[in-house]
N, C-alpha and C. Protein backbone atom coordinates (compact mmCIF):
# COMPACT_ATOMS: atom_id res chain seq x y z
N MET A 1 18.12 -7.35 9.72
CA MET A 1 16.68 -7.15 9.85
C MET A 1 15.97 -8.38 9.28
N GLN A 2 15.02 -8.87 10.03
CA GLN A 2 14.20 -9.99 9.58
C GLN A 2 13.13 -9.47 8.62
N LEU A 3 13.06 -10.07 7.44
CA LEU A 3 12.07 -9.64 6.45
C LEU A 3 10.71 -10.24 6.76
N PRO A 4 9.64 -9.47 6.55
CA PRO A 4 8.30 -10.04 6.73
C PRO A 4 8.02 -11.01 5.58
N PRO A 5 7.04 -11.91 5.74
CA PRO A 5 6.70 -12.83 4.65
C PRO A 5 6.21 -12.07 3.42
N CYS A 6 6.45 -12.65 2.26
CA CYS A 6 5.95 -12.09 1.00
C CYS A 6 5.00 -13.09 0.37
N PRO A 7 3.76 -12.72 0.08
CA PRO A 7 3.20 -11.38 0.24
C PRO A 7 2.99 -11.04 1.72
N LEU A 8 3.02 -9.74 2.00
CA LEU A 8 2.65 -9.28 3.33
C LEU A 8 1.15 -9.42 3.46
N VAL A 9 0.70 -9.97 4.58
CA VAL A 9 -0.74 -10.13 4.81
C VAL A 9 -1.12 -9.28 6.01
N VAL A 10 -2.12 -8.43 5.81
CA VAL A 10 -2.66 -7.62 6.89
C VAL A 10 -4.17 -7.85 6.93
N GLU A 11 -4.74 -7.63 8.09
CA GLU A 11 -6.19 -7.75 8.24
C GLU A 11 -6.75 -6.41 8.67
N ARG A 12 -7.93 -6.11 8.15
CA ARG A 12 -8.63 -4.88 8.51
C ARG A 12 -10.11 -5.20 8.68
N ARG A 13 -10.66 -4.73 9.80
CA ARG A 13 -12.10 -4.88 10.05
C ARG A 13 -12.83 -3.70 9.43
N ILE A 14 -13.95 -3.95 8.80
CA ILE A 14 -14.75 -2.89 8.21
C ILE A 14 -15.58 -2.25 9.33
N GLU A 15 -15.32 -0.98 9.55
CA GLU A 15 -16.04 -0.23 10.59
C GLU A 15 -17.30 0.39 9.98
N PHE A 16 -18.23 0.78 10.85
CA PHE A 16 -19.50 1.34 10.39
C PHE A 16 -19.28 2.58 9.52
N SER A 17 -18.32 3.42 9.91
CA SER A 17 -18.06 4.65 9.15
C SER A 17 -17.49 4.37 7.76
N GLN A 18 -17.10 3.14 7.49
CA GLN A 18 -16.52 2.75 6.20
C GLN A 18 -17.54 2.08 5.28
N THR A 19 -18.81 2.19 5.64
CA THR A 19 -19.86 1.55 4.86
C THR A 19 -20.83 2.57 4.28
N ASP A 20 -21.63 2.09 3.34
CA ASP A 20 -22.68 2.94 2.77
C ASP A 20 -23.98 2.71 3.54
N ALA A 21 -25.07 3.27 3.06
CA ALA A 21 -26.36 3.18 3.76
C ALA A 21 -26.86 1.74 3.87
N ALA A 22 -26.40 0.85 3.00
CA ALA A 22 -26.82 -0.55 3.04
C ALA A 22 -25.92 -1.41 3.93
N GLY A 23 -24.91 -0.79 4.54
CA GLY A 23 -23.99 -1.53 5.39
C GLY A 23 -22.90 -2.27 4.63
N LEU A 24 -22.76 -1.96 3.33
CA LEU A 24 -21.71 -2.55 2.50
C LEU A 24 -20.49 -1.63 2.51
N ILE A 25 -19.32 -2.21 2.33
CA ILE A 25 -18.10 -1.41 2.32
C ILE A 25 -18.21 -0.32 1.24
N HIS A 26 -17.84 0.89 1.61
CA HIS A 26 -17.81 1.99 0.65
C HIS A 26 -16.55 1.83 -0.19
N PHE A 27 -16.63 2.09 -1.48
CA PHE A 27 -15.51 1.85 -2.38
C PHE A 27 -14.23 2.56 -1.92
N SER A 28 -14.35 3.73 -1.33
CA SER A 28 -13.17 4.49 -0.91
C SER A 28 -12.38 3.77 0.17
N THR A 29 -13.03 2.90 0.91
CA THR A 29 -12.36 2.17 1.99
C THR A 29 -11.27 1.27 1.44
N TYR A 30 -11.47 0.70 0.26
CA TYR A 30 -10.42 -0.13 -0.34
C TYR A 30 -9.15 0.67 -0.55
N PHE A 31 -9.28 1.90 -0.99
CA PHE A 31 -8.10 2.74 -1.21
C PHE A 31 -7.40 3.07 0.11
N ASN A 32 -8.19 3.33 1.16
CA ASN A 32 -7.60 3.57 2.48
C ASN A 32 -6.88 2.32 2.98
N PHE A 33 -7.47 1.16 2.77
CA PHE A 33 -6.85 -0.10 3.20
C PHE A 33 -5.57 -0.36 2.40
N MET A 34 -5.55 -0.02 1.11
CA MET A 34 -4.33 -0.21 0.31
C MET A 34 -3.22 0.67 0.86
N GLU A 35 -3.53 1.91 1.15
CA GLU A 35 -2.52 2.83 1.68
C GLU A 35 -2.03 2.37 3.05
N SER A 36 -2.92 1.89 3.88
CA SER A 36 -2.55 1.39 5.20
C SER A 36 -1.63 0.18 5.09
N ALA A 37 -1.94 -0.73 4.16
CA ALA A 37 -1.11 -1.92 3.96
C ALA A 37 0.26 -1.54 3.41
N GLU A 38 0.30 -0.56 2.51
CA GLU A 38 1.58 -0.06 1.99
C GLU A 38 2.43 0.48 3.12
N ALA A 39 1.84 1.29 3.99
CA ALA A 39 2.57 1.87 5.12
C ALA A 39 3.10 0.76 6.04
N GLU A 40 2.29 -0.25 6.27
CA GLU A 40 2.71 -1.36 7.12
C GLU A 40 3.90 -2.10 6.50
N LEU A 41 3.87 -2.30 5.19
CA LEU A 41 4.99 -2.96 4.52
C LEU A 41 6.26 -2.12 4.67
N LEU A 42 6.18 -0.84 4.35
CA LEU A 42 7.37 0.01 4.44
C LEU A 42 7.90 0.07 5.87
N ARG A 43 7.01 0.18 6.86
CA ARG A 43 7.45 0.18 8.26
C ARG A 43 8.17 -1.12 8.61
N SER A 44 7.64 -2.24 8.13
CA SER A 44 8.25 -3.54 8.44
C SER A 44 9.63 -3.67 7.81
N LEU A 45 9.93 -2.84 6.82
CA LEU A 45 11.24 -2.85 6.17
C LEU A 45 12.12 -1.70 6.67
N GLY A 46 11.67 -1.01 7.72
CA GLY A 46 12.46 0.05 8.32
C GLY A 46 12.34 1.40 7.65
N SER A 47 11.28 1.63 6.90
CA SER A 47 11.11 2.88 6.19
C SER A 47 9.73 3.47 6.47
N SER A 48 9.32 4.41 5.64
CA SER A 48 8.03 5.07 5.79
C SER A 48 7.57 5.60 4.43
N ILE A 49 6.35 6.06 4.38
CA ILE A 49 5.82 6.67 3.17
C ILE A 49 6.37 8.08 2.99
N ILE A 50 6.68 8.75 4.10
CA ILE A 50 7.13 10.15 4.05
C ILE A 50 8.05 10.43 5.23
N TRP A 51 9.06 11.25 5.00
CA TRP A 51 9.94 11.68 6.07
C TRP A 51 10.57 13.01 5.67
N SER A 52 11.13 13.71 6.66
CA SER A 52 11.72 15.02 6.36
C SER A 52 13.12 15.12 6.95
N GLU A 53 13.88 15.99 6.34
CA GLU A 53 15.22 16.34 6.80
C GLU A 53 15.31 17.86 6.73
N GLY A 54 15.21 18.51 7.87
CA GLY A 54 15.19 19.97 7.89
C GLY A 54 13.96 20.49 7.18
N ASP A 55 14.17 21.39 6.21
CA ASP A 55 13.04 21.95 5.47
C ASP A 55 12.76 21.15 4.19
N LYS A 56 13.43 20.03 4.02
CA LYS A 56 13.21 19.18 2.84
C LYS A 56 12.40 17.95 3.25
N MET A 57 11.64 17.45 2.29
CA MET A 57 10.79 16.30 2.54
C MET A 57 10.95 15.30 1.40
N MET A 58 10.94 14.02 1.74
CA MET A 58 10.94 12.96 0.74
C MET A 58 9.74 12.07 1.03
N GLY A 59 9.14 11.56 -0.02
CA GLY A 59 8.00 10.70 0.18
C GLY A 59 7.59 9.99 -1.09
N PHE A 60 6.49 9.25 -0.98
CA PHE A 60 5.98 8.44 -2.07
C PHE A 60 4.50 8.77 -2.32
N PRO A 61 4.21 9.91 -2.96
CA PRO A 61 2.82 10.19 -3.30
C PRO A 61 2.30 9.23 -4.36
N ARG A 62 1.01 9.06 -4.38
CA ARG A 62 0.36 8.16 -5.33
C ARG A 62 0.25 8.84 -6.69
N VAL A 63 0.61 8.12 -7.74
CA VAL A 63 0.46 8.67 -9.08
C VAL A 63 -0.57 7.89 -9.88
N ASP A 64 -0.94 6.71 -9.41
CA ASP A 64 -1.99 5.92 -10.05
C ASP A 64 -2.54 4.94 -9.02
N CYS A 65 -3.85 4.80 -8.99
CA CYS A 65 -4.48 3.90 -8.04
C CYS A 65 -5.77 3.38 -8.66
N GLN A 66 -5.94 2.05 -8.64
CA GLN A 66 -7.13 1.43 -9.22
C GLN A 66 -7.60 0.30 -8.32
N CYS A 67 -8.89 0.01 -8.40
CA CYS A 67 -9.44 -1.10 -7.64
C CYS A 67 -10.63 -1.68 -8.40
N SER A 68 -10.65 -3.00 -8.49
CA SER A 68 -11.77 -3.71 -9.12
C SER A 68 -12.48 -4.51 -8.04
N PHE A 69 -13.79 -4.37 -7.99
CA PHE A 69 -14.60 -5.01 -6.96
C PHE A 69 -15.21 -6.29 -7.50
N ARG A 70 -15.13 -7.38 -6.73
CA ARG A 70 -15.60 -8.69 -7.16
C ARG A 70 -16.88 -9.12 -6.45
N SER A 71 -16.96 -8.84 -5.15
CA SER A 71 -18.15 -9.23 -4.39
C SER A 71 -18.28 -8.32 -3.17
N ALA A 72 -19.49 -8.26 -2.65
CA ALA A 72 -19.79 -7.35 -1.55
C ALA A 72 -19.24 -7.88 -0.22
N VAL A 73 -18.80 -6.94 0.61
CA VAL A 73 -18.45 -7.25 1.99
C VAL A 73 -19.15 -6.23 2.87
N ARG A 74 -19.33 -6.60 4.14
CA ARG A 74 -20.22 -5.84 5.01
C ARG A 74 -19.53 -5.34 6.27
N PHE A 75 -20.24 -4.45 6.93
CA PHE A 75 -19.84 -3.94 8.23
C PHE A 75 -19.44 -5.11 9.14
N GLU A 76 -18.30 -4.96 9.80
CA GLU A 76 -17.71 -5.90 10.75
C GLU A 76 -17.03 -7.10 10.11
N ASP A 77 -17.11 -7.26 8.79
CA ASP A 77 -16.31 -8.30 8.14
C ASP A 77 -14.83 -7.94 8.33
N VAL A 78 -14.00 -8.96 8.47
CA VAL A 78 -12.56 -8.76 8.53
C VAL A 78 -11.98 -9.19 7.19
N LEU A 79 -11.31 -8.26 6.52
CA LEU A 79 -10.70 -8.56 5.22
C LEU A 79 -9.25 -8.94 5.41
N ARG A 80 -8.81 -9.93 4.65
CA ARG A 80 -7.40 -10.28 4.57
C ARG A 80 -6.85 -9.62 3.32
N ILE A 81 -5.79 -8.85 3.46
CA ILE A 81 -5.22 -8.11 2.34
C ILE A 81 -3.81 -8.62 2.10
N GLU A 82 -3.55 -9.05 0.87
CA GLU A 82 -2.22 -9.49 0.48
C GLU A 82 -1.57 -8.39 -0.35
N VAL A 83 -0.35 -8.02 0.02
CA VAL A 83 0.39 -6.95 -0.66
C VAL A 83 1.61 -7.56 -1.33
N THR A 84 1.79 -7.24 -2.61
CA THR A 84 3.01 -7.60 -3.33
C THR A 84 3.54 -6.38 -4.06
N VAL A 85 4.77 -6.48 -4.54
CA VAL A 85 5.40 -5.40 -5.31
C VAL A 85 5.85 -6.01 -6.64
N PRO A 86 5.00 -5.97 -7.66
CA PRO A 86 5.36 -6.58 -8.93
C PRO A 86 6.48 -5.86 -9.68
N GLU A 87 6.68 -4.56 -9.38
CA GLU A 87 7.70 -3.82 -10.13
C GLU A 87 8.25 -2.67 -9.29
N ILE A 88 9.57 -2.49 -9.39
CA ILE A 88 10.24 -1.34 -8.80
C ILE A 88 11.07 -0.73 -9.93
N THR A 89 10.81 0.53 -10.24
CA THR A 89 11.62 1.22 -11.25
C THR A 89 12.61 2.13 -10.52
N GLU A 90 13.34 2.93 -11.26
CA GLU A 90 14.29 3.85 -10.63
C GLU A 90 13.62 4.83 -9.68
N LYS A 91 12.39 5.27 -10.05
CA LYS A 91 11.73 6.32 -9.29
C LYS A 91 10.34 5.96 -8.79
N SER A 92 9.87 4.72 -9.03
CA SER A 92 8.51 4.38 -8.61
C SER A 92 8.42 2.96 -8.06
N ILE A 93 7.40 2.76 -7.25
CA ILE A 93 7.09 1.44 -6.71
C ILE A 93 5.68 1.10 -7.14
N HIS A 94 5.50 -0.10 -7.69
CA HIS A 94 4.20 -0.59 -8.14
C HIS A 94 3.74 -1.66 -7.15
N TYR A 95 2.59 -1.43 -6.55
CA TYR A 95 2.01 -2.35 -5.57
C TYR A 95 0.81 -3.06 -6.17
N ALA A 96 0.57 -4.29 -5.70
CA ALA A 96 -0.65 -5.03 -6.04
C ALA A 96 -1.28 -5.51 -4.73
N PHE A 97 -2.59 -5.44 -4.67
CA PHE A 97 -3.34 -5.80 -3.47
C PHE A 97 -4.46 -6.77 -3.85
N ARG A 98 -4.63 -7.80 -3.03
CA ARG A 98 -5.74 -8.74 -3.20
C ARG A 98 -6.49 -8.79 -1.87
N PHE A 99 -7.79 -8.59 -1.94
CA PHE A 99 -8.65 -8.56 -0.75
C PHE A 99 -9.49 -9.83 -0.70
N PHE A 100 -9.51 -10.47 0.46
CA PHE A 100 -10.29 -11.69 0.64
C PHE A 100 -11.28 -11.48 1.78
N ASP A 101 -12.52 -11.94 1.55
CA ASP A 101 -13.56 -11.81 2.57
C ASP A 101 -13.35 -12.86 3.67
N PRO A 102 -14.19 -12.86 4.73
CA PRO A 102 -14.00 -13.81 5.83
C PRO A 102 -14.08 -15.29 5.41
N ARG A 103 -14.69 -15.58 4.27
CA ARG A 103 -14.78 -16.96 3.79
C ARG A 103 -13.60 -17.33 2.89
N GLY A 104 -12.70 -16.38 2.65
CA GLY A 104 -11.53 -16.62 1.82
C GLY A 104 -11.77 -16.36 0.35
N LYS A 105 -12.92 -15.78 0.01
CA LYS A 105 -13.24 -15.47 -1.38
C LYS A 105 -12.63 -14.12 -1.78
N LEU A 106 -12.02 -14.09 -2.97
CA LEU A 106 -11.46 -12.83 -3.49
C LEU A 106 -12.61 -11.84 -3.69
N CYS A 107 -12.54 -10.70 -3.02
CA CYS A 107 -13.63 -9.72 -3.13
C CYS A 107 -13.21 -8.44 -3.84
N ALA A 108 -11.89 -8.20 -3.96
CA ALA A 108 -11.41 -7.01 -4.68
C ALA A 108 -9.92 -7.18 -4.99
N GLU A 109 -9.49 -6.46 -6.03
CA GLU A 109 -8.07 -6.41 -6.38
C GLU A 109 -7.74 -4.96 -6.71
N GLY A 110 -6.56 -4.54 -6.29
CA GLY A 110 -6.17 -3.16 -6.55
C GLY A 110 -4.71 -3.04 -6.90
N THR A 111 -4.38 -1.90 -7.50
CA THR A 111 -2.99 -1.56 -7.79
C THR A 111 -2.75 -0.12 -7.39
N MET A 112 -1.50 0.16 -7.09
CA MET A 112 -1.13 1.53 -6.74
C MET A 112 0.31 1.74 -7.20
N VAL A 113 0.57 2.89 -7.80
CA VAL A 113 1.92 3.27 -8.19
C VAL A 113 2.27 4.53 -7.42
N THR A 114 3.44 4.50 -6.78
CA THR A 114 3.92 5.67 -6.06
C THR A 114 5.23 6.14 -6.68
N ALA A 115 5.46 7.43 -6.64
CA ALA A 115 6.71 8.01 -7.16
C ALA A 115 7.52 8.53 -5.98
N CYS A 116 8.82 8.38 -6.04
CA CYS A 116 9.70 8.92 -5.01
C CYS A 116 9.96 10.39 -5.34
N VAL A 117 9.65 11.27 -4.40
CA VAL A 117 9.83 12.71 -4.64
C VAL A 117 10.62 13.34 -3.51
N TRP A 118 11.23 14.50 -3.81
CA TRP A 118 12.06 15.23 -2.86
C TRP A 118 11.86 16.71 -3.12
N GLY A 119 11.81 17.51 -2.07
CA GLY A 119 11.70 18.95 -2.25
C GLY A 119 11.44 19.67 -0.95
N GLU A 120 11.26 20.97 -1.05
CA GLU A 120 10.97 21.78 0.13
C GLU A 120 9.51 21.60 0.53
N VAL A 121 9.29 21.52 1.83
CA VAL A 121 7.95 21.34 2.36
C VAL A 121 7.05 22.47 1.87
N GLY A 122 5.90 22.11 1.31
CA GLY A 122 4.95 23.10 0.83
C GLY A 122 5.27 23.71 -0.51
N LYS A 123 6.35 23.27 -1.14
CA LYS A 123 6.73 23.81 -2.44
C LYS A 123 6.80 22.68 -3.45
N HIS A 124 7.28 22.98 -4.64
CA HIS A 124 7.35 21.99 -5.71
C HIS A 124 8.24 20.81 -5.31
N MET A 125 7.74 19.62 -5.59
CA MET A 125 8.50 18.39 -5.36
C MET A 125 8.90 17.85 -6.72
N GLN A 126 10.04 17.18 -6.79
CA GLN A 126 10.44 16.57 -8.05
C GLN A 126 10.76 15.09 -7.84
N ALA A 127 10.51 14.30 -8.87
CA ALA A 127 10.80 12.88 -8.81
C ALA A 127 12.30 12.67 -8.72
N VAL A 128 12.68 11.75 -7.84
CA VAL A 128 14.10 11.42 -7.65
C VAL A 128 14.25 9.90 -7.59
N LEU A 129 15.50 9.44 -7.63
CA LEU A 129 15.76 8.01 -7.52
C LEU A 129 15.36 7.52 -6.13
N ILE A 130 14.80 6.33 -6.08
CA ILE A 130 14.47 5.72 -4.79
C ILE A 130 15.78 5.47 -4.05
N PRO A 131 15.87 5.87 -2.77
CA PRO A 131 17.10 5.62 -2.02
C PRO A 131 17.48 4.13 -2.04
N ASP A 132 18.78 3.88 -2.13
CA ASP A 132 19.27 2.50 -2.22
C ASP A 132 18.76 1.62 -1.08
N SER A 133 18.71 2.17 0.13
CA SER A 133 18.29 1.37 1.29
C SER A 133 16.85 0.85 1.12
N ILE A 134 15.98 1.68 0.57
CA ILE A 134 14.58 1.29 0.36
C ILE A 134 14.49 0.30 -0.80
N ARG A 135 15.17 0.61 -1.89
CA ARG A 135 15.17 -0.28 -3.06
C ARG A 135 15.70 -1.67 -2.68
N GLU A 136 16.82 -1.71 -1.95
CA GLU A 136 17.42 -2.98 -1.57
C GLU A 136 16.50 -3.78 -0.64
N ALA A 137 15.88 -3.11 0.33
CA ALA A 137 14.97 -3.80 1.25
C ALA A 137 13.76 -4.36 0.51
N LEU A 138 13.15 -3.55 -0.36
CA LEU A 138 11.98 -4.01 -1.14
C LEU A 138 12.36 -5.15 -2.07
N THR A 139 13.52 -5.05 -2.70
CA THR A 139 13.96 -6.09 -3.64
C THR A 139 14.22 -7.40 -2.90
N ALA A 140 14.89 -7.33 -1.75
CA ALA A 140 15.15 -8.53 -0.96
C ALA A 140 13.82 -9.16 -0.51
N TRP A 141 12.89 -8.32 -0.05
CA TRP A 141 11.59 -8.82 0.40
C TRP A 141 10.85 -9.48 -0.77
N LYS A 142 10.83 -8.80 -1.90
CA LYS A 142 10.13 -9.31 -3.09
C LYS A 142 10.77 -10.62 -3.58
N ASN A 143 12.07 -10.70 -3.58
CA ASN A 143 12.77 -11.86 -4.12
C ASN A 143 12.62 -13.11 -3.28
N GLN A 144 12.30 -12.98 -2.01
CA GLN A 144 12.15 -14.16 -1.18
C GLN A 144 10.93 -14.99 -1.58
N ALA A 145 9.99 -14.37 -2.31
CA ALA A 145 8.79 -15.10 -2.76
C ALA A 145 9.06 -15.87 -4.04
N ASP A 146 10.11 -15.52 -4.77
CA ASP A 146 10.40 -16.16 -6.06
C ASP A 146 11.00 -17.54 -5.90
């Protein structure tokens, strides 16, 4: 499998529904863009955020998510989002996101921590070790930037 470049760079256009009354990006949109970029990274490595096997489900729910805003961006601006993985533990993945406006200025930075969980659909999930295939793919992708 060919690894995507590290950091992974994705672009997202700010739609009208993602803005406030002044036409500026609504803060919640950054969190949606972070989740979208995470999903794109995992897909590019042959995985996903969530999958099921029979009545059991495994996935990566968010356990911590933060975003700091640096400057305003507006409706129809296209943001460049850089995704990195500064840390992988036995049961969690730590993501970092940097958002750049159309002029290349840093406009926001975010972090997200996900935990690997397993359990019956609709019932209690418990933290488990990240599957080797996912850990190895993320580690190989992350290490190519070093």
